[in-house]
Full PDB file with SEQRES, HELIX, SHEET, SSBOND, CRYST1, ORIGX, SCALE, CONECT and MASTER records, all heavy atoms in Angstrom:
SEQRES   1 A   42  SER ALA TRP PRO ASN MET TYR ARG SER LEU ASN SER THR          
SEQRES   2 A   42  ILE THR GLY ALA GLY SER ILE PHE LEU ILE ILE SER VAL          
SEQRES   3 A   42  CYS THR ILE ILE SER SER LEU ASN ALA ASP LYS ILE ILE          
SEQRES   4 A   42  HIS LYS PHE                                                  
HELIX    1 AA1 TRP A    3  MET A    6  1                                   4    
HELIX    2 AA2 ALA A   17  LEU A   33  1                                  17    
HELIX    3 AA3 ALA A   35  LYS A   41  1                                   7    
CRYST1    1.000    1.000    1.000  90.00  90.00  90.00 P 1           1          
ORIGX1      1.000000  0.000000  0.000000        0.00000                         
ORIGX2      0.000000  1.000000  0.000000        0.00000                         
ORIGX3      0.000000  0.000000  1.000000        0.00000                         
SCALE1      1.000000  0.000000  0.000000        0.00000                         
SCALE2      0.000000  1.000000  0.000000        0.00000                         
SCALE3      0.000000  0.000000  1.000000        0.00000                         
ATOM      1  N   SER A   1     -77.838 -17.039 -87.089  1.00  0.00           N  
ATOM      2  CA  SER A   1     -78.866 -16.030 -86.839  1.00  0.00           C  
ATOM      3  C   SER A   1     -78.400 -14.966 -85.853  1.00  0.00           C  
ATOM      4  O   SER A   1     -78.833 -13.815 -85.931  1.00  0.00           O  
ATOM      5  CB  SER A   1     -80.141 -16.709 -86.316  1.00  0.00           C  
ATOM      6  OG  SER A   1     -79.898 -17.347 -85.077  1.00  0.00           O  
ATOM      7  N   ALA A   2     -77.516 -15.339 -84.932  1.00  0.00           N  
ATOM      8  CA  ALA A   2     -77.075 -14.392 -83.904  1.00  0.00           C  
ATOM      9  C   ALA A   2     -75.801 -13.648 -84.286  1.00  0.00           C  
ATOM     10  O   ALA A   2     -75.469 -12.636 -83.652  1.00  0.00           O  
ATOM     11  CB  ALA A   2     -76.851 -15.129 -82.579  1.00  0.00           C  
ATOM     12  N   TRP A   3     -75.075 -14.130 -85.295  1.00  0.00           N  
ATOM     13  CA  TRP A   3     -73.758 -13.575 -85.598  1.00  0.00           C  
ATOM     14  C   TRP A   3     -73.764 -12.068 -85.875  1.00  0.00           C  
ATOM     15  O   TRP A   3     -72.843 -11.362 -85.426  1.00  0.00           O  
ATOM     16  CB  TRP A   3     -73.117 -14.327 -86.763  1.00  0.00           C  
ATOM     17  CG  TRP A   3     -71.674 -13.940 -86.962  1.00  0.00           C  
ATOM     18  CD1 TRP A   3     -71.134 -13.234 -87.989  1.00  0.00           C  
ATOM     19  CD2 TRP A   3     -70.592 -14.226 -86.071  1.00  0.00           C  
ATOM     20  NE1 TRP A   3     -69.785 -13.063 -87.816  1.00  0.00           N  
ATOM     21  CE2 TRP A   3     -69.422 -13.667 -86.636  1.00  0.00           C  
ATOM     22  CE3 TRP A   3     -70.491 -14.902 -84.856  1.00  0.00           C  
ATOM     23  CZ2 TRP A   3     -68.177 -13.763 -86.027  1.00  0.00           C  
ATOM     24  CZ3 TRP A   3     -69.248 -15.003 -84.245  1.00  0.00           C  
ATOM     25  CH2 TRP A   3     -68.113 -14.435 -84.826  1.00  0.00           C  
ATOM     26  N   PRO A   4     -74.735 -11.517 -86.596  1.00  0.00           N  
ATOM     27  CA  PRO A   4     -74.732 -10.057 -86.798  1.00  0.00           C  
ATOM     28  C   PRO A   4     -74.715  -9.269 -85.485  1.00  0.00           C  
ATOM     29  O   PRO A   4     -74.240  -8.128 -85.453  1.00  0.00           O  
ATOM     30  CB  PRO A   4     -76.038  -9.809 -87.570  1.00  0.00           C  
ATOM     31  CG  PRO A   4     -76.279 -11.088 -88.297  1.00  0.00           C  
ATOM     32  CD  PRO A   4     -75.831 -12.162 -87.349  1.00  0.00           C  
ATOM     33  N   ASN A   5     -75.229  -9.870 -84.408  1.00  0.00           N  
ATOM     34  CA  ASN A   5     -75.212  -9.210 -83.099  1.00  0.00           C  
ATOM     35  C   ASN A   5     -73.983  -9.589 -82.277  1.00  0.00           C  
ATOM     36  O   ASN A   5     -73.713  -8.965 -81.251  1.00  0.00           O  
ATOM     37  CB  ASN A   5     -76.463  -9.594 -82.301  1.00  0.00           C  
ATOM     38  CG  ASN A   5     -77.744  -9.154 -82.973  1.00  0.00           C  
ATOM     39  OD1 ASN A   5     -78.290  -9.859 -83.811  1.00  0.00           O  
ATOM     40  ND2 ASN A   5     -78.219  -7.966 -82.617  1.00  0.00           N  
ATOM     41  N   MET A   6     -73.247 -10.611 -82.717  1.00  0.00           N  
ATOM     42  CA  MET A   6     -72.141 -11.141 -81.920  1.00  0.00           C  
ATOM     43  C   MET A   6     -70.780 -10.583 -82.307  1.00  0.00           C  
ATOM     44  O   MET A   6     -69.933 -10.331 -81.438  1.00  0.00           O  
ATOM     45  CB  MET A   6     -72.093 -12.676 -82.049  1.00  0.00           C  
ATOM     46  CG  MET A   6     -73.269 -13.403 -81.445  1.00  0.00           C  
ATOM     47  SD  MET A   6     -73.254 -15.189 -81.797  1.00  0.00           S  
ATOM     48  CE  MET A   6     -71.760 -15.713 -80.954  1.00  0.00           C  
ATOM     49  N   TYR A   7     -70.545 -10.405 -83.613  1.00  0.00           N  
ATOM     50  CA  TYR A   7     -69.159 -10.246 -84.065  1.00  0.00           C  
ATOM     51  C   TYR A   7     -68.480  -8.978 -83.546  1.00  0.00           C  
ATOM     52  O   TYR A   7     -67.277  -8.982 -83.262  1.00  0.00           O  
ATOM     53  CB  TYR A   7     -69.077 -10.334 -85.595  1.00  0.00           C  
ATOM     54  CG  TYR A   7     -69.593  -9.138 -86.371  1.00  0.00           C  
ATOM     55  CD1 TYR A   7     -68.756  -8.093 -86.747  1.00  0.00           C  
ATOM     56  CD2 TYR A   7     -70.931  -9.078 -86.767  1.00  0.00           C  
ATOM     57  CE1 TYR A   7     -69.214  -7.023 -87.472  1.00  0.00           C  
ATOM     58  CE2 TYR A   7     -71.405  -8.003 -87.499  1.00  0.00           C  
ATOM     59  CZ  TYR A   7     -70.543  -6.984 -87.850  1.00  0.00           C  
ATOM     60  OH  TYR A   7     -71.013  -5.913 -88.581  1.00  0.00           O  
ATOM     61  N   ARG A   8     -69.224  -7.899 -83.368  1.00  0.00           N  
ATOM     62  CA  ARG A   8     -68.593  -6.667 -82.881  1.00  0.00           C  
ATOM     63  C   ARG A   8     -68.130  -6.810 -81.435  1.00  0.00           C  
ATOM     64  O   ARG A   8     -67.022  -6.386 -81.084  1.00  0.00           O  
ATOM     65  CB  ARG A   8     -69.562  -5.488 -83.007  1.00  0.00           C  
ATOM     66  CG  ARG A   8     -69.847  -5.076 -84.445  1.00  0.00           C  
ATOM     67  CD  ARG A   8     -70.667  -3.800 -84.501  1.00  0.00           C  
ATOM     68  NE  ARG A   8     -70.990  -3.420 -85.876  1.00  0.00           N  
ATOM     69  CZ  ARG A   8     -72.061  -3.829 -86.531  1.00  0.00           C  
ATOM     70  NH1 ARG A   8     -72.942  -4.628 -85.929  1.00  0.00           N  
ATOM     71  NH2 ARG A   8     -72.268  -3.450 -87.779  1.00  0.00           N  
ATOM     72  N   SER A   9     -68.955  -7.434 -80.591  1.00  0.00           N  
ATOM     73  CA  SER A   9     -68.584  -7.596 -79.186  1.00  0.00           C  
ATOM     74  C   SER A   9     -67.438  -8.591 -79.003  1.00  0.00           C  
ATOM     75  O   SER A   9     -66.793  -8.617 -77.956  1.00  0.00           O  
ATOM     76  CB  SER A   9     -69.797  -8.058 -78.367  1.00  0.00           C  
ATOM     77  OG  SER A   9     -70.246  -9.335 -78.801  1.00  0.00           O  
ATOM     78  N   LEU A  10     -67.173  -9.408 -80.023  1.00  0.00           N  
ATOM     79  CA  LEU A  10     -66.090 -10.401 -79.963  1.00  0.00           C  
ATOM     80  C   LEU A  10     -64.843  -9.925 -80.715  1.00  0.00           C  
ATOM     81  O   LEU A  10     -63.896 -10.707 -80.889  1.00  0.00           O  
ATOM     82  CB  LEU A  10     -66.574 -11.732 -80.562  1.00  0.00           C  
ATOM     83  CG  LEU A  10     -67.692 -12.440 -79.806  1.00  0.00           C  
ATOM     84  CD1 LEU A  10     -68.285 -13.560 -80.648  1.00  0.00           C  
ATOM     85  CD2 LEU A  10     -67.177 -12.990 -78.487  1.00  0.00           C  
ATOM     86  N   ASN A  11     -64.857  -8.670 -81.172  1.00  0.00           N  
ATOM     87  CA  ASN A  11     -63.739  -8.116 -81.938  1.00  0.00           C  
ATOM     88  C   ASN A  11     -63.450  -8.943 -83.188  1.00  0.00           C  
ATOM     89  O   ASN A  11     -62.295  -9.226 -83.522  1.00  0.00           O  
ATOM     90  CB  ASN A  11     -62.473  -8.024 -81.068  1.00  0.00           C  
ATOM     91  CG  ASN A  11     -62.659  -7.105 -79.877  1.00  0.00           C  
ATOM     92  OD1 ASN A  11     -63.205  -6.008 -80.006  1.00  0.00           O  
ATOM     93  ND2 ASN A  11     -62.225  -7.553 -78.705  1.00  0.00           N  
ATOM     94  N   SER A  12     -64.514  -9.346 -83.864  1.00  0.00           N  
ATOM     95  CA  SER A  12     -64.377 -10.140 -85.078  1.00  0.00           C  
ATOM     96  C   SER A  12     -64.967  -9.368 -86.251  1.00  0.00           C  
ATOM     97  O   SER A  12     -65.193  -8.160 -86.165  1.00  0.00           O  
ATOM     98  CB  SER A  12     -65.086 -11.494 -84.897  1.00  0.00           C  
ATOM     99  OG  SER A  12     -64.916 -12.307 -86.027  1.00  0.00           O  
ATOM    100  N   THR A  13     -65.196 -10.070 -87.354  1.00  0.00           N  
ATOM    101  CA  THR A  13     -65.775  -9.460 -88.556  1.00  0.00           C  
ATOM    102  C   THR A  13     -67.051 -10.208 -88.931  1.00  0.00           C  
ATOM    103  O   THR A  13     -67.342 -11.283 -88.396  1.00  0.00           O  
ATOM    104  CB  THR A  13     -64.789  -9.514 -89.734  1.00  0.00           C  
ATOM    105  OG1 THR A  13     -64.541 -10.898 -90.072  1.00  0.00           O  
ATOM    106  CG2 THR A  13     -63.468  -8.842 -89.355  1.00  0.00           C  
ATOM    107  N   ILE A  14     -67.772  -9.677 -89.880  1.00  0.00           N  
ATOM    108  CA  ILE A  14     -69.020 -10.298 -90.305  1.00  0.00           C  
ATOM    109  C   ILE A  14     -68.767 -11.666 -90.940  1.00  0.00           C  
ATOM    110  O   ILE A  14     -69.624 -12.552 -90.908  1.00  0.00           O  
ATOM    111  CB  ILE A  14     -69.783  -9.373 -91.288  1.00  0.00           C  
ATOM    112  CG1 ILE A  14     -71.212  -9.879 -91.547  1.00  0.00           C  
ATOM    113  CG2 ILE A  14     -69.008  -9.228 -92.583  1.00  0.00           C  
ATOM    114  CD1 ILE A  14     -72.095  -9.873 -90.341  1.00  0.00           C  
ATOM    115  N   THR A  15     -67.560 -11.860 -91.492  1.00  0.00           N  
ATOM    116  CA  THR A  15     -67.228 -13.156 -92.106  1.00  0.00           C  
ATOM    117  C   THR A  15     -66.588 -14.130 -91.121  1.00  0.00           C  
ATOM    118  O   THR A  15     -66.269 -15.261 -91.490  1.00  0.00           O  
ATOM    119  CB  THR A  15     -66.269 -12.948 -93.297  1.00  0.00           C  
ATOM    120  OG1 THR A  15     -65.070 -12.300 -92.830  1.00  0.00           O  
ATOM    121  CG2 THR A  15     -66.916 -12.098 -94.385  1.00  0.00           C  
ATOM    122  N   GLY A  16     -66.412 -13.698 -89.878  1.00  0.00           N  
ATOM    123  CA  GLY A  16     -65.737 -14.532 -88.883  1.00  0.00           C  
ATOM    124  C   GLY A  16     -66.472 -15.810 -88.544  1.00  0.00           C  
ATOM    125  O   GLY A  16     -65.860 -16.785 -88.082  1.00  0.00           O  
ATOM    126  N   ALA A  17     -67.774 -15.842 -88.781  1.00  0.00           N  
ATOM    127  CA  ALA A  17     -68.548 -17.048 -88.483  1.00  0.00           C  
ATOM    128  C   ALA A  17     -68.087 -18.230 -89.328  1.00  0.00           C  
ATOM    129  O   ALA A  17     -68.226 -19.391 -88.911  1.00  0.00           O  
ATOM    130  CB  ALA A  17     -70.038 -16.791 -88.719  1.00  0.00           C  
ATOM    131  N   GLY A  18     -67.514 -17.943 -90.500  1.00  0.00           N  
ATOM    132  CA  GLY A  18     -67.060 -19.015 -91.383  1.00  0.00           C  
ATOM    133  C   GLY A  18     -66.019 -19.903 -90.734  1.00  0.00           C  
ATOM    134  O   GLY A  18     -66.049 -21.134 -90.877  1.00  0.00           O  
ATOM    135  N   SER A  19     -65.087 -19.295 -89.992  1.00  0.00           N  
ATOM    136  CA  SER A  19     -64.043 -20.080 -89.319  1.00  0.00           C  
ATOM    137  C   SER A  19     -64.628 -20.922 -88.190  1.00  0.00           C  
ATOM    138  O   SER A  19     -64.182 -22.052 -87.954  1.00  0.00           O  
ATOM    139  CB  SER A  19     -62.955 -19.152 -88.765  1.00  0.00           C  
ATOM    140  OG  SER A  19     -62.312 -18.459 -89.812  1.00  0.00           O  
ATOM    141  N   ILE A  20     -65.631 -20.376 -87.501  1.00  0.00           N  
ATOM    142  CA  ILE A  20     -66.295 -21.142 -86.433  1.00  0.00           C  
ATOM    143  C   ILE A  20     -66.992 -22.362 -87.033  1.00  0.00           C  
ATOM    144  O   ILE A  20     -66.861 -23.483 -86.515  1.00  0.00           O  
ATOM    145  CB  ILE A  20     -67.329 -20.268 -85.686  1.00  0.00           C  
ATOM    146  CG1 ILE A  20     -66.679 -19.000 -85.138  1.00  0.00           C  
ATOM    147  CG2 ILE A  20     -67.986 -21.067 -84.566  1.00  0.00           C  
ATOM    148  CD1 ILE A  20     -65.626 -19.232 -84.097  1.00  0.00           C  
ATOM    149  N   PHE A  21     -67.709 -22.155 -88.122  1.00  0.00           N  
ATOM    150  CA  PHE A  21     -68.383 -23.270 -88.797  1.00  0.00           C  
ATOM    151  C   PHE A  21     -67.373 -24.316 -89.267  1.00  0.00           C  
ATOM    152  O   PHE A  21     -67.633 -25.517 -89.194  1.00  0.00           O  
ATOM    153  CB  PHE A  21     -69.198 -22.765 -89.995  1.00  0.00           C  
ATOM    154  CG  PHE A  21     -70.480 -22.089 -89.623  1.00  0.00           C  
ATOM    155  CD1 PHE A  21     -70.742 -20.789 -90.016  1.00  0.00           C  
ATOM    156  CD2 PHE A  21     -71.443 -22.754 -88.877  1.00  0.00           C  
ATOM    157  CE1 PHE A  21     -71.931 -20.165 -89.681  1.00  0.00           C  
ATOM    158  CE2 PHE A  21     -72.641 -22.141 -88.531  1.00  0.00           C  
ATOM    159  CZ  PHE A  21     -72.888 -20.841 -88.929  1.00  0.00           C  
ATOM    160  N   LEU A  22     -66.216 -23.851 -89.747  1.00  0.00           N  
ATOM    161  CA  LEU A  22     -65.195 -24.784 -90.232  1.00  0.00           C  
ATOM    162  C   LEU A  22     -64.643 -25.629 -89.091  1.00  0.00           C  
ATOM    163  O   LEU A  22     -64.467 -26.849 -89.231  1.00  0.00           O  
ATOM    164  CB  LEU A  22     -64.064 -24.012 -90.918  1.00  0.00           C  
ATOM    165  CG  LEU A  22     -62.951 -24.871 -91.522  1.00  0.00           C  
ATOM    166  CD1 LEU A  22     -63.504 -25.800 -92.586  1.00  0.00           C  
ATOM    167  CD2 LEU A  22     -61.853 -23.973 -92.100  1.00  0.00           C  
ATOM    168  N   ILE A  23     -64.371 -25.011 -87.935  1.00  0.00           N  
ATOM    169  CA  ILE A  23     -63.882 -25.751 -86.768  1.00  0.00           C  
ATOM    170  C   ILE A  23     -64.904 -26.789 -86.332  1.00  0.00           C  
ATOM    171  O   ILE A  23     -64.571 -27.948 -86.064  1.00  0.00           O  
ATOM    172  CB  ILE A  23     -63.563 -24.785 -85.607  1.00  0.00           C  
ATOM    173  CG1 ILE A  23     -62.367 -23.900 -85.961  1.00  0.00           C  
ATOM    174  CG2 ILE A  23     -63.274 -25.562 -84.313  1.00  0.00           C  
ATOM    175  CD1 ILE A  23     -62.145 -22.756 -84.994  1.00  0.00           C  
ATOM    176  N   ILE A  24     -66.166 -26.373 -86.261  1.00  0.00           N  
ATOM    177  CA  ILE A  24     -67.240 -27.298 -85.878  1.00  0.00           C  
ATOM    178  C   ILE A  24     -67.307 -28.460 -86.865  1.00  0.00           C  
ATOM    179  O   ILE A  24     -67.415 -29.628 -86.471  1.00  0.00           O  
ATOM    180  CB  ILE A  24     -68.592 -26.563 -85.808  1.00  0.00           C  
ATOM    181  CG1 ILE A  24     -68.599 -25.579 -84.631  1.00  0.00           C  
ATOM    182  CG2 ILE A  24     -69.746 -27.554 -85.656  1.00  0.00           C  
ATOM    183  CD1 ILE A  24     -69.814 -24.665 -84.598  1.00  0.00           C  
ATOM    184  N   SER A  25     -67.213 -28.158 -88.162  1.00  0.00           N  
ATOM    185  CA  SER A  25     -67.315 -29.196 -89.188  1.00  0.00           C  
ATOM    186  C   SER A  25     -66.164 -30.186 -89.101  1.00  0.00           C  
ATOM    187  O   SER A  25     -66.372 -31.402 -89.190  1.00  0.00           O  
ATOM    188  CB  SER A  25     -67.347 -28.555 -90.584  1.00  0.00           C  
ATOM    189  OG  SER A  25     -68.486 -27.749 -90.749  1.00  0.00           O  
ATOM    190  N   VAL A  26     -64.928 -29.684 -88.931  1.00  0.00           N  
ATOM    191  CA  VAL A  26     -63.762 -30.569 -88.841  1.00  0.00           C  
ATOM    192  C   VAL A  26     -63.879 -31.482 -87.621  1.00  0.00           C  
ATOM    193  O   VAL A  26     -63.630 -32.698 -87.705  1.00  0.00           O  
ATOM    194  CB  VAL A  26     -62.453 -29.744 -88.775  1.00  0.00           C  
ATOM    195  CG1 VAL A  26     -61.264 -30.633 -88.420  1.00  0.00           C  
ATOM    196  CG2 VAL A  26     -62.200 -29.050 -90.108  1.00  0.00           C  
ATOM    197  N   CYS A  27     -64.278 -30.921 -86.473  1.00  0.00           N  
ATOM    198  CA  CYS A  27     -64.438 -31.724 -85.255  1.00  0.00           C  
ATOM    199  C   CYS A  27     -65.570 -32.743 -85.405  1.00  0.00           C  
ATOM    200  O   CYS A  27     -65.488 -33.867 -84.898  1.00  0.00           O  
ATOM    201  CB  CYS A  27     -64.692 -30.819 -84.051  1.00  0.00           C  
ATOM    202  SG  CYS A  27     -63.272 -29.825 -83.573  1.00  0.00           S  
ATOM    203  N   THR A  28     -66.620 -32.347 -86.114  1.00  0.00           N  
ATOM    204  CA  THR A  28     -67.739 -33.255 -86.365  1.00  0.00           C  
ATOM    205  C   THR A  28     -67.299 -34.426 -87.244  1.00  0.00           C  
ATOM    206  O   THR A  28     -67.684 -35.577 -87.005  1.00  0.00           O  
ATOM    207  CB  THR A  28     -68.899 -32.504 -87.029  1.00  0.00           C  
ATOM    208  OG1 THR A  28     -69.294 -31.421 -86.190  1.00  0.00           O  
ATOM    209  CG2 THR A  28     -70.095 -33.403 -87.227  1.00  0.00           C  
ATOM    210  N   ILE A  29     -66.483 -34.139 -88.260  1.00  0.00           N  
ATOM    211  CA  ILE A  29     -65.958 -35.194 -89.132  1.00  0.00           C  
ATOM    212  C   ILE A  29     -65.101 -36.170 -88.334  1.00  0.00           C  
ATOM    213  O   ILE A  29     -65.246 -37.393 -88.446  1.00  0.00           O  
ATOM    214  CB  ILE A  29     -65.153 -34.573 -90.291  1.00  0.00           C  
ATOM    215  CG1 ILE A  29     -66.089 -33.806 -91.236  1.00  0.00           C  
ATOM    216  CG2 ILE A  29     -64.382 -35.652 -91.063  1.00  0.00           C  
ATOM    217  CD1 ILE A  29     -65.360 -32.910 -92.222  1.00  0.00           C  
ATOM    218  N   ILE A  30     -64.202 -35.634 -87.500  1.00  0.00           N  
ATOM    219  CA  ILE A  30     -63.345 -36.485 -86.661  1.00  0.00           C  
ATOM    220  C   ILE A  30     -64.184 -37.357 -85.745  1.00  0.00           C  
ATOM    221  O   ILE A  30     -63.952 -38.569 -85.608  1.00  0.00           O  
ATOM    222  CB  ILE A  30     -62.372 -35.615 -85.837  1.00  0.00           C  
ATOM    223  CG1 ILE A  30     -61.374 -34.908 -86.760  1.00  0.00           C  
ATOM    224  CG2 ILE A  30     -61.631 -36.458 -84.796  1.00  0.00           C  
ATOM    225  CD1 ILE A  30     -60.541 -33.843 -86.072  1.00  0.00           C  
ATOM    226  N   SER A  31     -65.191 -36.761 -85.119  1.00  0.00           N  
ATOM    227  CA  SER A  31     -66.063 -37.494 -84.203  1.00  0.00           C  
ATOM    228  C   SER A  31     -66.849 -38.578 -84.920  1.00  0.00           C  
ATOM    229  O   SER A  31     -66.982 -39.703 -84.428  1.00  0.00           O  
ATOM    230  CB  SER A  31     -67.018 -36.506 -83.521  1.00  0.00           C  
ATOM    231  OG  SER A  31     -67.855 -37.167 -82.610  1.00  0.00           O  
ATOM    232  N   SER A  32     -67.361 -38.271 -86.100  1.00  0.00           N  
ATOM    233  CA  SER A  32     -68.133 -39.246 -86.870  1.00  0.00           C  
ATOM    234  C   SER A  32     -67.287 -40.450 -87.265  1.00  0.00           C  
ATOM    235  O   SER A  32     -67.746 -41.596 -87.211  1.00  0.00           O  
ATOM    236  CB  SER A  32     -68.706 -38.590 -88.132  1.00  0.00           C  
ATOM    237  OG  SER A  32     -69.605 -37.568 -87.807  1.00  0.00           O  
ATOM    238  N   LEU A  33     -66.055 -40.187 -87.678  1.00  0.00           N  
ATOM    239  CA  LEU A  33     -65.169 -41.269 -88.116  1.00  0.00           C  
ATOM    240  C   LEU A  33     -64.777 -42.198 -86.969  1.00  0.00           C  
ATOM    241  O   LEU A  33     -64.424 -43.361 -87.203  1.00  0.00           O  
ATOM    242  CB  LEU A  33     -63.912 -40.695 -88.777  1.00  0.00           C  
ATOM    243  CG  LEU A  33     -64.125 -40.028 -90.142  1.00  0.00           C  
ATOM    244  CD1 LEU A  33     -62.844 -39.367 -90.623  1.00  0.00           C  
ATOM    245  CD2 LEU A  33     -64.616 -41.042 -91.171  1.00  0.00           C  
ATOM    246  N   ASN A  34     -64.830 -41.686 -85.750  1.00  0.00           N  
ATOM    247  CA  ASN A  34     -64.459 -42.501 -84.587  1.00  0.00           C  
ATOM    248  C   ASN A  34     -65.668 -42.964 -83.775  1.00  0.00           C  
ATOM    249  O   ASN A  34     -65.504 -43.600 -82.734  1.00  0.00           O  
ATOM    250  CB  ASN A  34     -63.508 -41.711 -83.679  1.00  0.00           C  
ATOM    251  CG  ASN A  34     -62.142 -41.533 -84.310  1.00  0.00           C  
ATOM    252  OD1 ASN A  34     -61.310 -42.420 -84.286  1.00  0.00           O  
ATOM    253  ND2 ASN A  34     -61.916 -40.366 -84.900  1.00  0.00           N  
ATOM    254  N   ALA A  35     -66.870 -42.649 -84.267  1.00  0.00           N  
ATOM    255  CA  ALA A  35     -68.075 -42.951 -83.505  1.00  0.00           C  
ATOM    256  C   ALA A  35     -68.254 -44.440 -83.257  1.00  0.00           C  
ATOM    257  O   ALA A  35     -68.683 -44.858 -82.174  1.00  0.00           O  
ATOM    258  CB  ALA A  35     -69.304 -42.380 -84.223  1.00  0.00           C  
ATOM    259  N   ASP A  36     -67.925 -45.277 -84.261  1.00  0.00           N  
ATOM    260  CA  ASP A  36     -68.149 -46.717 -84.091  1.00  0.00           C  
ATOM    261  C   ASP A  36     -67.314 -47.287 -82.957  1.00  0.00           C  
ATOM    262  O   ASP A  36     -67.789 -48.125 -82.177  1.00  0.00           O  
ATOM    263  CB  ASP A  36     -67.885 -47.460 -85.397  1.00  0.00           C  
ATOM    264  CG  ASP A  36     -66.488 -47.225 -85.946  1.00  0.00           C  
ATOM    265  OD1 ASP A  36     -65.850 -46.236 -85.541  1.00  0.00           O  
ATOM    266  OD2 ASP A  36     -66.037 -48.025 -86.789  1.00  0.00           O  
ATOM    267  N   LYS A  37     -66.065 -46.825 -82.836  1.00  0.00           N  
ATOM    268  CA  LYS A  37     -65.199 -47.302 -81.745  1.00  0.00           C  
ATOM    269  C   LYS A  37     -65.739 -46.861 -80.394  1.00  0.00           C  
ATOM    270  O   LYS A  37     -65.761 -47.642 -79.429  1.00  0.00           O  
ATOM    271  CB  LYS A  37     -63.775 -46.781 -81.941  1.00  0.00           C  
ATOM    272  CG  LYS A  37     -63.119 -47.170 -83.253  1.00  0.00           C  
ATOM    273  CD  LYS A  37     -61.714 -46.617 -83.340  1.00  0.00           C  
ATOM    274  CE  LYS A  37     -61.082 -46.884 -84.702  1.00  0.00           C  
ATOM    275  NZ  LYS A  37     -61.709 -46.098 -85.775  1.00  0.00           N  
ATOM    276  N   ILE A  38     -66.162 -45.611 -80.313  1.00  0.00           N  
ATOM    277  CA  ILE A  38     -66.664 -45.065 -79.045  1.00  0.00           C  
ATOM    278  C   ILE A  38     -67.958 -45.759 -78.638  1.00  0.00           C  
ATOM    279  O   ILE A  38     -68.135 -46.151 -77.474  1.00  0.00           O  
ATOM    280  CB  ILE A  38     -66.892 -43.541 -79.177  1.00  0.00           C  
ATOM    281  CG1 ILE A  38     -65.586 -42.832 -79.529  1.00  0.00           C  
ATOM    282  CG2 ILE A  38     -67.459 -42.964 -77.879  1.00  0.00           C  
ATOM    283  CD1 ILE A  38     -65.764 -41.382 -79.939  1.00  0.00           C  
ATOM    284  N   ILE A  39     -68.869 -45.940 -79.599  1.00  0.00           N  
ATOM    285  CA  ILE A  39     -70.155 -46.583 -79.307  1.00  0.00           C  
ATOM    286  C   ILE A  39     -69.957 -48.046 -78.941  1.00  0.00           C  
ATOM    287  O   ILE A  39     -70.624 -48.575 -78.046  1.00  0.00           O  
ATOM    288  CB  ILE A  39     -71.106 -46.434 -80.509  1.00  0.00           C  
ATOM    289  CG1 ILE A  39     -71.482 -44.963 -80.697  1.00  0.00           C  
ATOM    290  CG2 ILE A  39     -72.373 -47.268 -80.326  1.00  0.00           C  
ATOM    291  CD1 ILE A  39     -72.093 -44.647 -82.039  1.00  0.00           C  
ATOM    292  N   HIS A  40     -69.032 -48.714 -79.622  1.00  0.00           N  
ATOM    293  CA  HIS A  40     -68.740 -50.121 -79.326  1.00  0.00           C  
ATOM    294  C   HIS A  40     -68.278 -50.281 -77.878  1.00  0.00           C  
ATOM    295  O   HIS A  40     -68.600 -51.274 -77.215  1.00  0.00           O  
ATOM    296  CB  HIS A  40     -67.653 -50.627 -80.278  1.00  0.00           C  
ATOM    297  CG  HIS A  40     -67.402 -52.097 -80.171  1.00  0.00           C  
ATOM    298  ND1 HIS A  40     -68.196 -53.037 -80.782  1.00  0.00           N  
ATOM    299  CD2 HIS A  40     -66.446 -52.789 -79.498  1.00  0.00           C  
ATOM    300  CE1 HIS A  40     -67.741 -54.245 -80.503  1.00  0.00           C  
ATOM    301  NE2 HIS A  40     -66.674 -54.124 -79.736  1.00  0.00           N  
ATOM    302  N   LYS A  41     -67.560 -49.280 -77.381  1.00  0.00           N  
ATOM    303  CA  LYS A  41     -67.019 -49.367 -76.021  1.00  0.00           C  
ATOM    304  C   LYS A  41     -68.016 -48.912 -74.966  1.00  0.00           C  
ATOM    305  O   LYS A  41     -68.117 -49.496 -73.890  1.00  0.00           O  
ATOM    306  CB  LYS A  41     -65.738 -48.532 -75.924  1.00  0.00           C  
ATOM    307  CG  LYS A  41     -65.024 -48.647 -74.586  1.00  0.00           C  
ATOM    308  CD  LYS A  41     -63.679 -47.938 -74.615  1.00  0.00           C  
ATOM    309  CE  LYS A  41     -62.930 -48.105 -73.286  1.00  0.00           C  
ATOM    310  NZ  LYS A  41     -61.605 -47.440 -73.321  1.00  0.00           N  
ATOM    311  N   PHE A  42     -68.792 -47.853 -75.271  1.00  0.00           N  
ATOM    312  CA  PHE A  42     -69.615 -47.233 -74.233  1.00  0.00           C  
ATOM    313  C   PHE A  42     -71.127 -47.389 -74.433  1.00  0.00           C  
ATOM    314  O   PHE A  42     -71.883 -47.041 -73.527  1.00  0.00           O  
ATOM    315  CB  PHE A  42     -69.289 -45.746 -74.126  1.00  0.00           C  
ATOM    316  CG  PHE A  42     -67.881 -45.474 -73.675  1.00  0.00           C  
ATOM    317  CD1 PHE A  42     -66.941 -45.003 -74.572  1.00  0.00           C  
ATOM    318  CD2 PHE A  42     -67.501 -45.698 -72.368  1.00  0.00           C  
ATOM    319  CE1 PHE A  42     -65.638 -44.739 -74.175  1.00  0.00           C  
ATOM    320  CE2 PHE A  42     -66.202 -45.435 -71.955  1.00  0.00           C  
ATOM    321  CZ  PHE A  42     -65.268 -44.963 -72.866  1.00  0.00           C  
TER     322      PHE A  42                                                      
MASTER        0    0    0    3    0    0    0    6  321    1    0    4          
END                                                                             
């Protein structure tokens, strides 16, 4: 919702949000796959 107001001030493009979403998704996948080990310990 905020990206149309963000991308110019960040020197990015209107499609730049896609890479941010991809990074978040990859990190979320990694975290989910390791969640059982982390929860078991903490």
